[in-house]
Amino acid sequence: MIIEQAIKNQLQADAAVLALTVERIHYANAPQDTPKPYVVMYKISDVPTYTHGGKDGKHTARIQLSCYGTTYLSVKNVSAAIDSVLSGFKGTLGGVGGMTVQGCFKDGDMDGDYEDNSGLFPVHLDFIFHYEE
């Protein structure tokens, strides 16, 4: 399982996130007419670690989760629900067959500019995952 799938599984298994997004968590972009609110996930970076013998199977990844909604309050609620699931997480991410995560830490969040053309408010959250393949 890849880290993005493990994150999506973990978020969709949470009742609060599921109630707000109804499984509308997408990779890289969302279909044009996706109901709101929704989440788009981007892998910003994924850096493997090495020993003298080569790759050791451990990684540090930065994942950005961008929340979009038609009201500021709706995206803030989604981002708070995601934060409560991922911040400080350690263990098996994504359920059975998931990834072993030594720690997940929120590196920051940012309110994006209201998008006049789409009528959406964005909130971007960055998380750092220390995980094993």
C-alpha atoms as a PDB file:
ATOM      1  CA  MET A   1       0.000   0.000   0.000  1.00  0.00           C
ATOM      2  CA  ILE A   2       1.271   3.490  -0.792  1.00  0.00           C
ATOM      3  CA  ILE A   3       1.245   6.251   1.819  1.00  0.00           C
ATOM      4  CA  GLU A   4      -1.496   8.226   0.048  1.00  0.00           C
ATOM      5  CA  GLN A   5      -3.863   5.231   0.073  1.00  0.00           C
ATOM      6  CA  ALA A   6      -3.109   4.588   3.755  1.00  0.00           C
ATOM      7  CA  ILE A   7      -3.933   8.215   4.609  1.00  0.00           C
ATOM      8  CA  LYS A   8      -7.156   8.114   2.606  1.00  0.00           C
ATOM      9  CA  ASN A   9      -8.217   4.848   4.287  1.00  0.00           C
ATOM     10  CA  GLN A  10      -7.446   6.274   7.734  1.00  0.00           C
ATOM     11  CA  LEU A  11      -9.428   9.455   7.098  1.00  0.00           C
ATOM     12  CA  GLN A  12     -12.405   7.622   5.600  1.00  0.00           C
ATOM     13  CA  ALA A  13     -12.512   5.306   8.618  1.00  0.00           C
ATOM     14  CA  ASP A  14     -13.057   8.302  10.918  1.00  0.00           C
ATOM     15  CA  ALA A  15     -16.733   9.109  11.556  1.00  0.00           C
ATOM     16  CA  ALA A  16     -16.227  12.891  11.787  1.00  0.00           C
ATOM     17  CA  VAL A  17     -14.227  13.131   8.541  1.00  0.00           C
ATOM     18  CA  LEU A  18     -16.641  10.794   6.770  1.00  0.00           C
ATOM     19  CA  ALA A  19     -19.673  12.820   7.926  1.00  0.00           C
ATOM     20  CA  LEU A  20     -18.155  16.006   6.500  1.00  0.00           C
ATOM     21  CA  THR A  21     -16.631  14.713   3.254  1.00  0.00           C
ATOM     22  CA  VAL A  22     -18.729  11.632   2.424  1.00  0.00           C
ATOM     23  CA  GLU A  23     -15.567   9.978   1.046  1.00  0.00           C
ATOM     24  CA  ARG A  24     -14.725  12.972  -1.184  1.00  0.00           C
ATOM     25  CA  ILE A  25     -10.959  12.661  -0.718  1.00  0.00           C
ATOM     26  CA  HIS A  26      -9.088  12.845  -4.012  1.00  0.00           C
ATOM     27  CA  TYR A  27      -5.495  12.536  -5.231  1.00  0.00           C
ATOM     28  CA  ALA A  28      -3.931  15.559  -7.005  1.00  0.00           C
ATOM     29  CA  ASN A  29      -7.246  16.990  -8.257  1.00  0.00           C
ATOM     30  CA  ALA A  30     -10.999  16.610  -7.855  1.00  0.00           C
ATOM     31  CA  PRO A  31     -13.484  16.058 -10.677  1.00  0.00           C
ATOM     32  CA  GLN A  32     -15.025  19.341 -11.819  1.00  0.00           C
ATOM     33  CA  ASP A  33     -18.505  18.884 -10.339  1.00  0.00           C
ATOM     34  CA  THR A  34     -17.453  17.268  -7.047  1.00  0.00           C
ATOM     35  CA  PRO A  35     -19.926  18.121  -4.263  1.00  0.00           C
ATOM     36  CA  LYS A  36     -18.504  20.314  -1.519  1.00  0.00           C
ATOM     37  CA  PRO A  37     -16.738  20.168   0.835  1.00  0.00           C
ATOM     38  CA  TYR A  38     -13.971  17.922  -0.454  1.00  0.00           C
ATOM     39  CA  VAL A  39     -10.264  17.237   0.093  1.00  0.00           C
ATOM     40  CA  VAL A  40      -7.395  17.006  -2.395  1.00  0.00           C
ATOM     41  CA  MET A  41      -4.200  15.239  -1.334  1.00  0.00           C
ATOM     42  CA  TYR A  42      -0.735  16.020  -2.729  1.00  0.00           C
ATOM     43  CA  LYS A  43       2.547  14.317  -1.933  1.00  0.00           C
ATOM     44  CA  ILE A  44       4.956  17.253  -1.756  1.00  0.00           C
ATOM     45  CA  SER A  45       8.037  15.132  -1.055  1.00  0.00           C
ATOM     46  CA  ASP A  46       9.035  11.639   0.060  1.00  0.00           C
ATOM     47  CA  VAL A  47      12.640  11.189   1.131  1.00  0.00           C
ATOM     48  CA  PRO A  48      14.010   7.693   1.804  1.00  0.00           C
ATOM     49  CA  THR A  49      16.750   7.173   4.365  1.00  0.00           C
ATOM     50  CA  TYR A  50      19.914   5.226   3.706  1.00  0.00           C
ATOM     51  CA  THR A  51      22.529   3.268   5.593  1.00  0.00           C
ATOM     52  CA  HIS A  52      25.918   2.130   4.307  1.00  0.00           C
ATOM     53  CA  GLY A  53      24.065  -0.890   2.920  1.00  0.00           C
ATOM     54  CA  GLY A  54      21.568   1.180   0.900  1.00  0.00           C
ATOM     55  CA  LYS A  55      17.951   2.133   1.454  1.00  0.00           C
ATOM     56  CA  ASP A  56      16.683   1.054   4.875  1.00  0.00           C
ATOM     57  CA  GLY A  57      12.946   1.155   4.054  1.00  0.00           C
ATOM     58  CA  LYS A  58      12.201   4.259   6.142  1.00  0.00           C
ATOM     59  CA  HIS A  59      10.849   7.484   4.699  1.00  0.00           C
ATOM     60  CA  THR A  60       9.950  11.021   5.639  1.00  0.00           C
ATOM     61  CA  ALA A  61       7.080  12.337   3.528  1.00  0.00           C
ATOM     62  CA  ARG A  62       5.384  15.717   3.387  1.00  0.00           C
ATOM     63  CA  ILE A  63       1.735  15.382   2.444  1.00  0.00           C
ATOM     64  CA  GLN A  64      -0.529  18.364   1.844  1.00  0.00           C
ATOM     65  CA  LEU A  65      -4.264  18.006   2.333  1.00  0.00           C
ATOM     66  CA  SER A  66      -6.209  20.871   0.782  1.00  0.00           C
ATOM     67  CA  CYS A  67      -9.805  21.285   1.908  1.00  0.00           C
ATOM     68  CA  TYR A  68     -12.322  23.142  -0.275  1.00  0.00           C
ATOM     69  CA  GLY A  69     -15.842  24.274   0.526  1.00  0.00           C
ATOM     70  CA  THR A  70     -18.440  26.914  -0.251  1.00  0.00           C
ATOM     71  CA  THR A  71     -18.210  28.423   3.252  1.00  0.00           C
ATOM     72  CA  TYR A  72     -15.237  29.257   5.408  1.00  0.00           C
ATOM     73  CA  LEU A  73     -16.771  27.395   8.345  1.00  0.00           C
ATOM     74  CA  SER A  74     -17.264  24.203   6.320  1.00  0.00           C
ATOM     75  CA  VAL A  75     -13.588  23.981   5.338  1.00  0.00           C
ATOM     76  CA  LYS A  76     -12.417  24.860   8.844  1.00  0.00           C
ATOM     77  CA  ASN A  77     -14.558  21.993  10.199  1.00  0.00           C
ATOM     78  CA  VAL A  78     -13.085  19.562   7.654  1.00  0.00           C
ATOM     79  CA  SER A  79      -9.520  20.685   8.393  1.00  0.00           C
ATOM     80  CA  ALA A  80     -10.102  20.361  12.162  1.00  0.00           C
ATOM     81  CA  ALA A  81     -11.464  16.821  11.709  1.00  0.00           C
ATOM     82  CA  ILE A  82      -8.438  15.825   9.593  1.00  0.00           C
ATOM     83  CA  ASP A  83      -6.081  17.389  12.128  1.00  0.00           C
ATOM     84  CA  SER A  84      -7.645  15.388  14.962  1.00  0.00           C
ATOM     85  CA  VAL A  85      -7.088  12.131  13.040  1.00  0.00           C
ATOM     86  CA  LEU A  86      -3.525  12.694  11.808  1.00  0.00           C
ATOM     87  CA  SER A  87      -1.712  14.999  14.272  1.00  0.00           C
ATOM     88  CA  GLY A  88       0.435  12.899  16.564  1.00  0.00           C
ATOM     89  CA  PHE A  89      -0.611   9.628  14.908  1.00  0.00           C
ATOM     90  CA  LYS A  90       1.647   6.615  15.304  1.00  0.00           C
ATOM     91  CA  GLY A  91       0.895   2.987  14.558  1.00  0.00           C
ATOM     92  CA  THR A  92      -0.604   1.257  11.530  1.00  0.00           C
ATOM     93  CA  LEU A  93      -2.029   3.877   9.197  1.00  0.00           C
ATOM     94  CA  GLY A  94      -4.859   2.803   6.916  1.00  0.00           C
ATOM     95  CA  GLY A  95      -5.973  -0.351   8.716  1.00  0.00           C
ATOM     96  CA  VAL A  96      -5.098  -3.910   7.776  1.00  0.00           C
ATOM     97  CA  GLY A  97      -2.222  -3.940   5.295  1.00  0.00           C
ATOM     98  CA  GLY A  98      -1.488  -0.283   6.020  1.00  0.00           C
ATOM     99  CA  MET A  99       1.788   1.510   6.650  1.00  0.00           C
ATOM    100  CA  THR A 100       3.763   1.521   9.890  1.00  0.00           C
ATOM    101  CA  VAL A 101       4.038   5.152  10.968  1.00  0.00           C
ATOM    102  CA  GLN A 102       6.528   6.112  13.680  1.00  0.00           C
ATOM    103  CA  GLY A 103       4.981   9.576  13.882  1.00  0.00           C
ATOM    104  CA  CYS A 104       2.854  12.065  11.999  1.00  0.00           C
ATOM    105  CA  PHE A 105       3.165  15.749  12.794  1.00  0.00           C
ATOM    106  CA  LYS A 106       1.299  18.746  11.440  1.00  0.00           C
ATOM    107  CA  ASP A 107       3.882  21.103   9.969  1.00  0.00           C
ATOM    108  CA  GLY A 108       1.402  23.925   9.499  1.00  0.00           C
ATOM    109  CA  ASP A 109      -1.839  25.082   7.983  1.00  0.00           C
ATOM    110  CA  MET A 110      -2.804  28.042   5.875  1.00  0.00           C
ATOM    111  CA  ASP A 111      -6.050  29.629   4.760  1.00  0.00           C
ATOM    112  CA  GLY A 112      -5.932  30.120   1.014  1.00  0.00           C
ATOM    113  CA  ASP A 113      -7.451  33.043  -0.842  1.00  0.00           C
ATOM    114  CA  TYR A 114     -11.151  32.832  -1.623  1.00  0.00           C
ATOM    115  CA  GLU A 115     -11.437  31.700  -5.243  1.00  0.00           C
ATOM    116  CA  ASP A 116     -13.822  34.069  -7.020  1.00  0.00           C
ATOM    117  CA  ASN A 117     -14.107  31.936 -10.167  1.00  0.00           C
ATOM    118  CA  SER A 118     -15.070  28.750  -8.283  1.00  0.00           C
ATOM    119  CA  GLY A 119     -16.664  30.297  -5.195  1.00  0.00           C
ATOM    120  CA  LEU A 120     -14.535  28.102  -2.920  1.00  0.00           C
ATOM    121  CA  PHE A 121     -12.650  28.708   0.297  1.00  0.00           C
ATOM    122  CA  PRO A 122      -9.427  26.637   0.594  1.00  0.00           C
ATOM    123  CA  VAL A 123      -7.526  25.561   3.702  1.00  0.00           C
ATOM    124  CA  HIS A 124      -4.189  23.761   3.249  1.00  0.00           C
ATOM    125  CA  LEU A 125      -2.676  21.446   5.895  1.00  0.00           C
ATOM    126  CA  ASP A 126       0.861  20.050   5.709  1.00  0.00           C
ATOM    127  CA  PHE A 127       1.783  16.873   7.573  1.00  0.00           C
ATOM    128  CA  ILE A 128       5.140  15.161   7.978  1.00  0.00           C
ATOM    129  CA  PHE A 129       4.964  11.354   8.086  1.00  0.00           C
ATOM    130  CA  HIS A 130       7.853   9.198   9.315  1.00  0.00           C
ATOM    131  CA  TYR A 131       6.978   5.737   7.997  1.00  0.00           C
ATOM    132  CA  GLU A 132       8.304   2.377   6.867  1.00  0.00           C
ATOM    133  CA  GLU A 133       7.669   0.722   3.504  1.00  0.00           C
END
